[in-house]
Amino acid sequence: MIARVTNFHFKNDRIDEALDIYKKSIVPAAQSQKGYEGLNFFINRKTGNAFSIAFWETEEDAIANEQSHYYQEQLVKLMHLYTKPPTRERYEVVFQD
């Protein structure tokens, strides 16, 4: 399993708007993607810092998802809420409880 971690920095007064977009638009879109295994979203309301962890069955699925421009299309939905561009990293999930 592969975890894609995306770090966000949102405008503090727009956090609820970001969460609404995530729940109503980004999560349903992710659920339709090949190899999708789930998603978690974490936020610090005081700082506006947040990160999501999307799980993919294989690294090939994660890479194909990014290369299809699906990932970039989802980031654009939140663009007006960022204080700086998001960053992305991929990790192999070696242990999960």
Protein backbone atom coordinates (compact mmCIF):
# COMPACT_ATOMS: atom_id res chain seq x y z
CA MET A 1 0.00 0.00 0.00
CA ILE A 2 1.16 3.52 -0.79
CA ALA A 3 0.31 6.69 1.15
CA ARG A 4 0.35 10.04 -0.60
CA VAL A 5 0.74 12.86 1.91
CA THR A 6 -0.23 16.35 0.81
CA ASN A 7 0.58 19.30 3.08
CA PHE A 8 -1.64 22.38 2.91
CA HIS A 9 -1.55 25.86 4.41
CA PHE A 10 -5.00 27.41 4.43
CA LYS A 11 -6.20 30.91 5.26
CA ASN A 12 -7.43 30.55 8.85
CA ASP A 13 -10.78 32.18 8.16
CA ARG A 14 -11.43 29.79 5.21
CA ILE A 15 -10.78 26.42 6.88
CA ASP A 16 -14.45 25.42 7.05
CA GLU A 17 -14.81 26.21 3.34
CA ALA A 18 -11.81 23.97 2.59
CA LEU A 19 -13.31 21.15 4.64
CA ASP A 20 -16.64 21.51 2.86
CA ILE A 21 -14.98 21.27 -0.57
CA TYR A 22 -12.95 18.29 0.58
CA LYS A 23 -15.97 16.38 1.88
CA LYS A 24 -18.41 17.22 -0.91
CA SER A 25 -16.15 17.20 -3.96
CA ILE A 26 -12.67 15.78 -3.44
CA VAL A 27 -13.55 12.65 -1.44
CA PRO A 28 -16.30 11.48 -3.83
CA ALA A 29 -13.95 12.03 -6.78
CA ALA A 30 -11.19 10.06 -5.03
CA GLN A 31 -13.51 7.15 -4.33
CA SER A 32 -13.94 6.59 -8.06
CA GLN A 33 -10.21 6.29 -8.74
CA LYS A 34 -8.50 2.97 -9.52
CA GLY A 35 -6.60 1.61 -6.52
CA TYR A 36 -8.09 4.09 -4.02
CA GLU A 37 -8.00 2.64 -0.50
CA GLY A 38 -9.12 5.57 1.68
CA LEU A 39 -8.27 9.06 2.84
CA ASN A 40 -7.62 10.91 6.10
CA PHE A 41 -7.55 14.69 6.59
CA PHE A 42 -5.94 16.53 9.51
CA ILE A 43 -6.01 20.23 10.32
CA ASN A 44 -4.70 22.66 12.92
CA ARG A 45 -7.33 25.39 13.10
CA LYS A 46 -4.98 27.78 14.90
CA THR A 47 -2.27 27.75 12.23
CA GLY A 48 -4.21 26.73 9.10
CA ASN A 49 -1.74 23.90 8.53
CA ALA A 50 -3.29 20.69 7.29
CA PHE A 51 -2.40 17.45 5.60
CA SER A 52 -4.21 14.64 3.89
CA ILE A 53 -3.14 11.05 3.54
CA ALA A 54 -4.60 9.20 0.57
CA PHE A 55 -4.01 5.45 0.44
CA TRP A 56 -3.48 3.57 -2.83
CA GLU A 57 -3.34 -0.15 -3.44
CA THR A 58 -0.06 0.08 -5.39
CA GLU A 59 2.57 2.66 -6.25
CA GLU A 60 1.54 2.28 -9.89
CA ASP A 61 -2.02 3.31 -8.95
CA ALA A 62 -0.74 6.38 -7.08
CA ILE A 63 1.53 7.42 -9.94
CA ALA A 64 -1.17 6.84 -12.58
CA ASN A 65 -3.56 8.92 -10.49
CA GLU A 66 -1.11 11.83 -10.42
CA GLN A 67 -0.22 11.52 -14.12
CA SER A 68 -3.88 11.53 -15.15
CA HIS A 69 -4.14 15.11 -13.82
CA TYR A 70 -6.90 14.03 -11.42
CA TYR A 71 -4.71 15.06 -8.47
CA GLN A 72 -3.96 18.51 -9.92
CA GLU A 73 -7.66 19.05 -10.68
CA GLN A 74 -8.49 18.43 -7.03
CA LEU A 75 -5.82 20.87 -5.82
CA VAL A 76 -7.25 23.59 -8.07
CA LYS A 77 -10.60 23.31 -6.25
CA LEU A 78 -8.88 24.62 -3.12
CA MET A 79 -6.43 27.05 -4.75
CA HIS A 80 -8.23 30.21 -3.62
CA LEU A 81 -7.88 29.07 0.03
CA TYR A 82 -4.09 28.47 0.16
CA THR A 83 -1.56 30.78 1.76
CA LYS A 84 1.19 28.91 -0.10
CA PRO A 85 1.30 26.03 -2.58
CA PRO A 86 0.72 22.51 -1.24
CA THR A 87 3.49 19.90 -1.23
CA ARG A 88 3.26 16.17 -1.91
CA GLU A 89 5.23 13.08 -0.91
CA ARG A 90 4.66 9.35 -1.37
CA TYR A 91 5.43 6.71 1.25
CA GLU A 92 5.27 2.95 1.38
CA VAL A 93 2.98 1.81 4.18
CA VAL A 94 5.08 -0.76 6.03
CA PHE A 95 2.95 -1.08 9.17
CA GLN A 96 -0.64 -0.32 10.00
CA ASP A 97 -2.66 -1.20 13.09
